[in-house]
Amino acid sequence: MNARTETFGKFIRKLRTETGFGLRAFAAAAGMKPSNLCRLETGRMPPPVSAEGIGRIAKALGLKEDSPEFARLNDLAAKARPGSAAPDIVGYAARQPGVPILLRTAKGKQLGEAEFRQLAEYIEKHF
């Protein structure tokens, strides 16, 4: 699937079918109505806003919080709501007083995606 055209709903459907879940069984496992899951997968309903809502879906899919798929799920949820942040980082950012300092510094330096990736690599290596 092309990363530019991938949506939260398409990603969920892909993971759901790869794990062998039918729509109704997965909806039950995720604590959703089957009709809402269908609407979510087809893009007629936006992704959950809360980390808890995303977490229920991730748990039903068997995703670990440190997995690339979990991060992708959260990133696609944010992409569906322009101007919002990925639900898995909102709570963390709110509890860490250094996050605004970091982001304002990055904003002042006008960092782009490549620079943020370099910064993430630096953090992985040194912390």
C-alpha atoms as a PDB file:
ATOM      1  CA  MET A   1       0.000   0.000   0.000  1.00  0.00           C
ATOM      2  CA  ASN A   2       1.289   3.448  -0.901  1.00  0.00           C
ATOM      3  CA  ALA A   3       2.144   5.436   2.234  1.00  0.00           C
ATOM      4  CA  ARG A   4       0.567   8.561   0.725  1.00  0.00           C
ATOM      5  CA  THR A   5      -2.798   6.886   0.118  1.00  0.00           C
ATOM      6  CA  GLU A   6      -2.794   4.698   3.213  1.00  0.00           C
ATOM      7  CA  THR A   7      -5.474   5.628   5.709  1.00  0.00           C
ATOM      8  CA  PHE A   8      -6.230   4.576   9.251  1.00  0.00           C
ATOM      9  CA  GLY A   9      -9.154   2.478   8.046  1.00  0.00           C
ATOM     10  CA  LYS A  10      -7.236   0.762   5.253  1.00  0.00           C
ATOM     11  CA  PHE A  11      -4.393  -0.008   7.644  1.00  0.00           C
ATOM     12  CA  ILE A  12      -6.758  -1.526  10.208  1.00  0.00           C
ATOM     13  CA  ARG A  13      -8.492  -3.620   7.571  1.00  0.00           C
ATOM     14  CA  LYS A  14      -5.128  -4.874   6.296  1.00  0.00           C
ATOM     15  CA  LEU A  15      -3.939  -5.849   9.781  1.00  0.00           C
ATOM     16  CA  ARG A  16      -7.324  -7.304  10.712  1.00  0.00           C
ATOM     17  CA  THR A  17      -7.459  -9.564   7.674  1.00  0.00           C
ATOM     18  CA  GLU A  18      -3.798 -10.565   8.076  1.00  0.00           C
ATOM     19  CA  THR A  19      -4.567 -11.746  11.610  1.00  0.00           C
ATOM     20  CA  GLY A  20      -7.574 -13.717  10.351  1.00  0.00           C
ATOM     21  CA  PHE A  21     -10.264 -11.672  12.082  1.00  0.00           C
ATOM     22  CA  GLY A  22     -13.657 -11.285  10.506  1.00  0.00           C
ATOM     23  CA  LEU A  23     -15.313  -7.905  10.849  1.00  0.00           C
ATOM     24  CA  ARG A  24     -17.775  -8.918  13.582  1.00  0.00           C
ATOM     25  CA  ALA A  25     -15.229 -10.869  15.637  1.00  0.00           C
ATOM     26  CA  PHE A  26     -12.737  -8.030  15.475  1.00  0.00           C
ATOM     27  CA  ALA A  27     -15.359  -5.426  16.363  1.00  0.00           C
ATOM     28  CA  ALA A  28     -16.246  -7.456  19.458  1.00  0.00           C
ATOM     29  CA  ALA A  29     -12.570  -7.835  20.422  1.00  0.00           C
ATOM     30  CA  ALA A  30     -12.030  -4.083  20.035  1.00  0.00           C
ATOM     31  CA  GLY A  31     -15.227  -3.166  21.896  1.00  0.00           C
ATOM     32  CA  MET A  32     -16.872  -1.658  18.829  1.00  0.00           C
ATOM     33  CA  LYS A  33     -20.092  -2.088  16.936  1.00  0.00           C
ATOM     34  CA  PRO A  34     -19.526  -3.905  13.619  1.00  0.00           C
ATOM     35  CA  SER A  35     -21.243  -1.051  11.758  1.00  0.00           C
ATOM     36  CA  ASN A  36     -18.813   1.460  13.281  1.00  0.00           C
ATOM     37  CA  LEU A  37     -15.824  -0.720  12.380  1.00  0.00           C
ATOM     38  CA  CYS A  38     -17.086  -0.897   8.801  1.00  0.00           C
ATOM     39  CA  ARG A  39     -17.514   2.882   8.707  1.00  0.00           C
ATOM     40  CA  LEU A  40     -14.035   3.318  10.210  1.00  0.00           C
ATOM     41  CA  GLU A  41     -12.401   1.000   7.684  1.00  0.00           C
ATOM     42  CA  THR A  42     -14.091   2.695   4.740  1.00  0.00           C
ATOM     43  CA  GLY A  43     -13.233   6.201   5.933  1.00  0.00           C
ATOM     44  CA  ARG A  44     -16.820   7.225   6.647  1.00  0.00           C
ATOM     45  CA  MET A  45     -15.980   7.590  10.337  1.00  0.00           C
ATOM     46  CA  PRO A  46     -12.830   9.245  11.704  1.00  0.00           C
ATOM     47  CA  PRO A  47     -10.371   7.336  13.894  1.00  0.00           C
ATOM     48  CA  PRO A  48     -10.680   7.525  17.671  1.00  0.00           C
ATOM     49  CA  VAL A  49      -9.242  10.687  19.197  1.00  0.00           C
ATOM     50  CA  SER A  50      -8.081   9.144  22.443  1.00  0.00           C
ATOM     51  CA  ALA A  51      -5.077   6.975  23.145  1.00  0.00           C
ATOM     52  CA  GLU A  52      -7.492   4.584  24.886  1.00  0.00           C
ATOM     53  CA  GLY A  53      -9.590   4.139  21.745  1.00  0.00           C
ATOM     54  CA  ILE A  54      -6.524   3.514  19.620  1.00  0.00           C
ATOM     55  CA  GLY A  55      -5.214   1.222  22.357  1.00  0.00           C
ATOM     56  CA  ARG A  56      -8.308  -1.018  22.241  1.00  0.00           C
ATOM     57  CA  ILE A  57      -7.875  -1.451  18.495  1.00  0.00           C
ATOM     58  CA  ALA A  58      -4.136  -2.075  18.846  1.00  0.00           C
ATOM     59  CA  LYS A  59      -4.709  -4.624  21.605  1.00  0.00           C
ATOM     60  CA  ALA A  60      -7.289  -6.482  19.517  1.00  0.00           C
ATOM     61  CA  LEU A  61      -4.729  -6.576  16.682  1.00  0.00           C
ATOM     62  CA  GLY A  62      -2.052  -7.837  19.058  1.00  0.00           C
ATOM     63  CA  LEU A  63       0.181  -4.806  18.517  1.00  0.00           C
ATOM     64  CA  LYS A  64       2.847  -3.986  21.080  1.00  0.00           C
ATOM     65  CA  GLU A  65       3.252  -0.343  22.090  1.00  0.00           C
ATOM     66  CA  ASP A  66       6.854  -0.266  20.877  1.00  0.00           C
ATOM     67  CA  SER A  67       6.083  -1.783  17.466  1.00  0.00           C
ATOM     68  CA  PRO A  68       6.270   0.130  14.179  1.00  0.00           C
ATOM     69  CA  GLU A  69       2.671  -0.892  13.475  1.00  0.00           C
ATOM     70  CA  PHE A  70       1.481   0.716  16.727  1.00  0.00           C
ATOM     71  CA  ALA A  71       3.284   3.942  15.833  1.00  0.00           C
ATOM     72  CA  ARG A  72       1.840   3.812  12.292  1.00  0.00           C
ATOM     73  CA  LEU A  73      -1.675   3.315  13.662  1.00  0.00           C
ATOM     74  CA  ASN A  74      -1.306   6.430  15.820  1.00  0.00           C
ATOM     75  CA  ASP A  75       0.299   8.456  13.028  1.00  0.00           C
ATOM     76  CA  LEU A  76      -2.534   7.586  10.643  1.00  0.00           C
ATOM     77  CA  ALA A  77      -5.093   8.571  13.305  1.00  0.00           C
ATOM     78  CA  ALA A  78      -3.409  11.979  13.569  1.00  0.00           C
ATOM     79  CA  LYS A  79      -3.175  12.308   9.773  1.00  0.00           C
ATOM     80  CA  ALA A  80      -6.960  11.887   9.590  1.00  0.00           C
ATOM     81  CA  ARG A  81      -7.351  14.911  11.860  1.00  0.00           C
ATOM     82  CA  PRO A  82      -5.117  17.678  10.478  1.00  0.00           C
ATOM     83  CA  GLY A  83      -3.576  19.786  13.188  1.00  0.00           C
ATOM     84  CA  SER A  84      -3.654  17.009  15.773  1.00  0.00           C
ATOM     85  CA  ALA A  85      -0.855  14.928  17.238  1.00  0.00           C
ATOM     86  CA  ALA A  86      -0.627  11.158  17.349  1.00  0.00           C
ATOM     87  CA  PRO A  87      -2.718   9.989  20.327  1.00  0.00           C
ATOM     88  CA  ASP A  88       0.066   7.821  21.748  1.00  0.00           C
ATOM     89  CA  ILE A  89       2.334  10.838  22.290  1.00  0.00           C
ATOM     90  CA  VAL A  90      -0.158  13.452  23.450  1.00  0.00           C
ATOM     91  CA  GLY A  91      -0.246  12.207  27.042  1.00  0.00           C
ATOM     92  CA  TYR A  92       3.522  11.845  27.192  1.00  0.00           C
ATOM     93  CA  ALA A  93       4.060  15.327  25.780  1.00  0.00           C
ATOM     94  CA  ALA A  94       1.614  16.805  28.300  1.00  0.00           C
ATOM     95  CA  ARG A  95       3.519  15.244  31.221  1.00  0.00           C
ATOM     96  CA  GLN A  96       7.001  16.283  30.062  1.00  0.00           C
ATOM     97  CA  PRO A  97       7.865  19.962  30.575  1.00  0.00           C
ATOM     98  CA  GLY A  98      10.809  19.641  28.170  1.00  0.00           C
ATOM     99  CA  VAL A  99       8.665  18.808  25.141  1.00  0.00           C
ATOM    100  CA  PRO A 100       7.527  22.402  24.478  1.00  0.00           C
ATOM    101  CA  ILE A 101      11.151  23.568  24.785  1.00  0.00           C
ATOM    102  CA  LEU A 102      12.265  20.961  22.262  1.00  0.00           C
ATOM    103  CA  LEU A 103       9.457  21.712  19.824  1.00  0.00           C
ATOM    104  CA  ARG A 104       9.844  25.495  20.049  1.00  0.00           C
ATOM    105  CA  THR A 105      13.573  25.133  19.410  1.00  0.00           C
ATOM    106  CA  ALA A 106      12.873  22.888  16.424  1.00  0.00           C
ATOM    107  CA  LYS A 107      10.272  25.379  15.173  1.00  0.00           C
ATOM    108  CA  GLY A 108      12.747  28.262  15.504  1.00  0.00           C
ATOM    109  CA  LYS A 109      15.326  26.299  13.536  1.00  0.00           C
ATOM    110  CA  GLN A 110      12.646  25.296  11.016  1.00  0.00           C
ATOM    111  CA  LEU A 111      13.559  21.622  11.204  1.00  0.00           C
ATOM    112  CA  GLY A 112      12.103  19.419   8.512  1.00  0.00           C
ATOM    113  CA  GLU A 113      11.410  15.696   8.484  1.00  0.00           C
ATOM    114  CA  ALA A 114      15.019  14.783   7.663  1.00  0.00           C
ATOM    115  CA  GLU A 115      16.334  16.819  10.586  1.00  0.00           C
ATOM    116  CA  PHE A 116      13.764  15.320  12.948  1.00  0.00           C
ATOM    117  CA  ARG A 117      14.836  11.843  11.826  1.00  0.00           C
ATOM    118  CA  GLN A 118      18.470  12.786  12.540  1.00  0.00           C
ATOM    119  CA  LEU A 119      17.460  14.099  15.950  1.00  0.00           C
ATOM    120  CA  ALA A 120      15.575  10.865  16.702  1.00  0.00           C
ATOM    121  CA  GLU A 121      18.645   8.838  15.669  1.00  0.00           C
ATOM    122  CA  TYR A 122      20.815  10.957  17.948  1.00  0.00           C
ATOM    123  CA  ILE A 123      18.444  10.426  20.867  1.00  0.00           C
ATOM    124  CA  GLU A 124      18.337   6.653  20.210  1.00  0.00           C
ATOM    125  CA  LYS A 125      22.113   6.500  20.153  1.00  0.00           C
ATOM    126  CA  HIS A 126      22.899   8.719  23.133  1.00  0.00           C
ATOM    127  CA  PHE A 127      20.031   8.220  25.601  1.00  0.00           C
END
